[in-house]
Every structure is written in structure tokens, then in C-alpha cells.
Amino acid sequence: MKKILALVTFVVVMVVLTACGGGGITDELVGTWGASGMELFTFNDDGTGYEVFDNETFEWSTRSGTLTIEFGDNDSESMDYSVDGDILTLVDSDSNIEMELERIR
């Protein structure tokens, strides 16, 4: 559980500190994703979402295998992603840290 929280904290910090561009919406990400049954992110089909850890809404988009999450204060995070069934893999391209989330609903 501590490793999951450490990874979540890392991703949240990166989201707050990084700025990048956007793209389109992909249906494969729509839904709620988490780890060990704990909800972490919800991606809505209108390009909005919710990040549970910081109780914060965001806008999201994808382009060429890159997921970009933009928060209201103009902070954004981009990371490589892939979906295999109900598993979402996020990879920070700078540090190569990989995080796997499972589709909860």
C-alpha cells in the first residue's frame, strides 16, 4: 500500500509541476481507474475528469499515445499511456516510472 501511495503522490506532484499541450479524447480511457480497489482517477467522455487524491477536477486529452491532464491553474502533466483490457499503464517519459491502474468501472 505504501508503494501505491508513493507512486500516486509522485504522479500528482508531476501533474502540478509540468506544463504541456493537448489533443483529442479516446473512449478507451473513459471510466474510473485505481489500484487495489481504491479509486484514483475518473476520465469522463466529455474530456473532463476527477483526481481523487487531491480532490481536483481536470481536463484531459490524448495524442499519439500520450495522455495530457490539465488542471484549472494551467498546470498540466503529459505521460505515455497504453490500455490493455482493463489495465491502464502510465509511464513518465522523463523518469521512466511506470504505474499500472485497473478499471474499476
C-alpha atoms as a PDB file:
ATOM      1  CA  MET A   1       0.000   0.000   0.000  1.00  0.00           C
ATOM      2  CA  LYS A   2       2.868   2.396   0.765  1.00  0.00           C
ATOM      3  CA  LYS A   3       4.318   1.806  -2.713  1.00  0.00           C
ATOM      4  CA  ILE A   4       0.966   2.626  -4.317  1.00  0.00           C
ATOM      5  CA  LEU A   5       0.641   5.816  -2.291  1.00  0.00           C
ATOM      6  CA  ALA A   6       4.214   6.772  -3.172  1.00  0.00           C
ATOM      7  CA  LEU A   7       3.501   6.279  -6.889  1.00  0.00           C
ATOM      8  CA  VAL A   8       0.240   8.220  -6.665  1.00  0.00           C
ATOM      9  CA  THR A   9       1.998  11.027  -4.808  1.00  0.00           C
ATOM     10  CA  PHE A  10       4.725  11.102  -7.465  1.00  0.00           C
ATOM     11  CA  VAL A  11       2.201  11.330 -10.305  1.00  0.00           C
ATOM     12  CA  VAL A  12       0.260  14.083  -8.516  1.00  0.00           C
ATOM     13  CA  VAL A  13       3.423  16.106  -7.908  1.00  0.00           C
ATOM     14  CA  MET A  14       4.373  15.743 -11.573  1.00  0.00           C
ATOM     15  CA  VAL A  15       0.900  16.853 -12.624  1.00  0.00           C
ATOM     16  CA  VAL A  16       1.278  20.015 -10.586  1.00  0.00           C
ATOM     17  CA  LEU A  17       4.811  20.878 -11.755  1.00  0.00           C
ATOM     18  CA  THR A  18       4.771  20.168 -15.507  1.00  0.00           C
ATOM     19  CA  ALA A  19       3.215  22.064 -18.462  1.00  0.00           C
ATOM     20  CA  CYS A  20       2.439  20.538 -21.903  1.00  0.00           C
ATOM     21  CA  GLY A  21      -0.096  20.605 -24.802  1.00  0.00           C
ATOM     22  CA  GLY A  22      -3.316  18.700 -25.595  1.00  0.00           C
ATOM     23  CA  GLY A  23      -5.104  16.726 -28.337  1.00  0.00           C
ATOM     24  CA  GLY A  24      -8.271  14.591 -28.610  1.00  0.00           C
ATOM     25  CA  ILE A  25     -10.354  12.234 -26.492  1.00  0.00           C
ATOM     26  CA  THR A  26     -10.205   8.425 -26.634  1.00  0.00           C
ATOM     27  CA  ASP A  27     -13.026   6.203 -25.375  1.00  0.00           C
ATOM     28  CA  GLU A  28     -10.627   3.560 -24.048  1.00  0.00           C
ATOM     29  CA  LEU A  29      -9.723   5.838 -21.107  1.00  0.00           C
ATOM     30  CA  VAL A  30     -13.302   6.743 -20.181  1.00  0.00           C
ATOM     31  CA  GLY A  31     -14.122   5.336 -16.759  1.00  0.00           C
ATOM     32  CA  THR A  32     -12.745   5.156 -13.249  1.00  0.00           C
ATOM     33  CA  TRP A  33      -9.249   3.809 -12.673  1.00  0.00           C
ATOM     34  CA  GLY A  34      -7.480   2.853  -9.467  1.00  0.00           C
ATOM     35  CA  ALA A  35      -5.195   0.449  -7.671  1.00  0.00           C
ATOM     36  CA  SER A  36      -6.001  -2.226  -5.082  1.00  0.00           C
ATOM     37  CA  GLY A  37      -9.694  -1.320  -5.378  1.00  0.00           C
ATOM     38  CA  MET A  38      -9.035   2.326  -4.462  1.00  0.00           C
ATOM     39  CA  GLU A  39     -10.361   4.904  -6.950  1.00  0.00           C
ATOM     40  CA  LEU A  40      -7.698   7.343  -8.191  1.00  0.00           C
ATOM     41  CA  PHE A  41      -8.838   8.916 -11.480  1.00  0.00           C
ATOM     42  CA  THR A  42     -12.111   9.274 -13.377  1.00  0.00           C
ATOM     43  CA  PHE A  43     -11.981  10.184 -17.079  1.00  0.00           C
ATOM     44  CA  ASN A  44     -15.336  11.373 -18.491  1.00  0.00           C
ATOM     45  CA  ASP A  45     -16.288  11.164 -22.174  1.00  0.00           C
ATOM     46  CA  ASP A  46     -16.522  14.973 -22.424  1.00  0.00           C
ATOM     47  CA  GLY A  47     -12.798  15.439 -21.704  1.00  0.00           C
ATOM     48  CA  THR A  48     -13.216  16.282 -18.029  1.00  0.00           C
ATOM     49  CA  GLY A  49     -12.083  14.212 -15.093  1.00  0.00           C
ATOM     50  CA  TYR A  50     -11.547  13.940 -11.382  1.00  0.00           C
ATOM     51  CA  GLU A  51      -8.405  13.104  -9.409  1.00  0.00           C
ATOM     52  CA  VAL A  52      -9.365  11.598  -6.043  1.00  0.00           C
ATOM     53  CA  PHE A  53      -6.051  12.012  -4.205  1.00  0.00           C
ATOM     54  CA  ASP A  54      -6.192  15.840  -4.326  1.00  0.00           C
ATOM     55  CA  ASN A  55      -9.974  16.142  -4.783  1.00  0.00           C
ATOM     56  CA  GLU A  56      -9.377  18.091  -8.000  1.00  0.00           C
ATOM     57  CA  THR A  57     -11.101  18.274 -11.379  1.00  0.00           C
ATOM     58  CA  PHE A  58      -9.158  18.387 -14.649  1.00  0.00           C
ATOM     59  CA  GLU A  59      -9.455  18.324 -18.425  1.00  0.00           C
ATOM     60  CA  TRP A  60      -7.774  15.536 -20.353  1.00  0.00           C
ATOM     61  CA  SER A  61      -6.836  14.677 -23.905  1.00  0.00           C
ATOM     62  CA  THR A  62      -4.713  12.196 -25.826  1.00  0.00           C
ATOM     63  CA  ARG A  63      -2.436  12.373 -28.832  1.00  0.00           C
ATOM     64  CA  SER A  64      -0.273   9.601 -30.297  1.00  0.00           C
ATOM     65  CA  GLY A  65      -0.103   7.504 -27.127  1.00  0.00           C
ATOM     66  CA  THR A  66       0.366  10.499 -24.827  1.00  0.00           C
ATOM     67  CA  LEU A  67      -2.167  11.421 -22.139  1.00  0.00           C
ATOM     68  CA  THR A  68      -2.266  15.077 -21.069  1.00  0.00           C
ATOM     69  CA  ILE A  69      -4.077  16.155 -17.912  1.00  0.00           C
ATOM     70  CA  GLU A  70      -4.647  19.894 -17.430  1.00  0.00           C
ATOM     71  CA  PHE A  71      -5.748  21.442 -14.155  1.00  0.00           C
ATOM     72  CA  GLY A  72      -7.573  24.779 -13.795  1.00  0.00           C
ATOM     73  CA  ASP A  73      -4.434  26.628 -12.672  1.00  0.00           C
ATOM     74  CA  ASN A  74      -2.753  25.978 -16.066  1.00  0.00           C
ATOM     75  CA  ASP A  75      -0.588  23.195 -14.649  1.00  0.00           C
ATOM     76  CA  SER A  76      -0.513  20.059 -16.751  1.00  0.00           C
ATOM     77  CA  GLU A  77       1.144  16.670 -16.954  1.00  0.00           C
ATOM     78  CA  SER A  78       1.795  14.530 -20.012  1.00  0.00           C
ATOM     79  CA  MET A  79       2.709  10.869 -19.874  1.00  0.00           C
ATOM     80  CA  ASP A  80       2.790   7.919 -22.224  1.00  0.00           C
ATOM     81  CA  TYR A  81      -0.127   5.539 -21.800  1.00  0.00           C
ATOM     82  CA  SER A  82      -1.450   2.234 -23.047  1.00  0.00           C
ATOM     83  CA  VAL A  83      -4.617   0.291 -22.326  1.00  0.00           C
ATOM     84  CA  ASP A  84      -4.751  -3.494 -22.377  1.00  0.00           C
ATOM     85  CA  GLY A  85      -8.261  -4.622 -21.471  1.00  0.00           C
ATOM     86  CA  ASP A  86      -8.952  -3.204 -18.021  1.00  0.00           C
ATOM     87  CA  ILE A  87      -5.329  -2.236 -17.292  1.00  0.00           C
ATOM     88  CA  LEU A  88      -4.110   1.328 -17.883  1.00  0.00           C
ATOM     89  CA  THR A  89      -0.344   1.745 -17.902  1.00  0.00           C
ATOM     90  CA  LEU A  90       1.063   5.251 -17.394  1.00  0.00           C
ATOM     91  CA  VAL A  91       4.765   5.922 -17.982  1.00  0.00           C
ATOM     92  CA  ASP A  92       6.565   9.145 -17.133  1.00  0.00           C
ATOM     93  CA  SER A  93       8.902   9.698 -20.079  1.00  0.00           C
ATOM     94  CA  ASP A  94      11.412  11.698 -18.023  1.00  0.00           C
ATOM     95  CA  SER A  95      11.933   9.204 -15.201  1.00  0.00           C
ATOM     96  CA  ASN A  96      10.585   6.002 -16.844  1.00  0.00           C
ATOM     97  CA  ILE A  97       8.482   5.346 -13.747  1.00  0.00           C
ATOM     98  CA  GLU A  98       5.582   3.101 -14.712  1.00  0.00           C
ATOM     99  CA  MET A  99       2.229   2.905 -12.939  1.00  0.00           C
ATOM    100  CA  GLU A 100      -0.495   0.337 -13.666  1.00  0.00           C
ATOM    101  CA  LEU A 101      -4.115   1.113 -12.827  1.00  0.00           C
ATOM    102  CA  GLU A 102      -7.117  -1.162 -13.104  1.00  0.00           C
ATOM    103  CA  ARG A 103     -10.512  -0.143 -14.466  1.00  0.00           C
ATOM    104  CA  ILE A 104     -12.915  -0.017 -11.527  1.00  0.00           C
ATOM    105  CA  ARG A 105     -15.983   0.954 -13.567  1.00  0.00           C
END
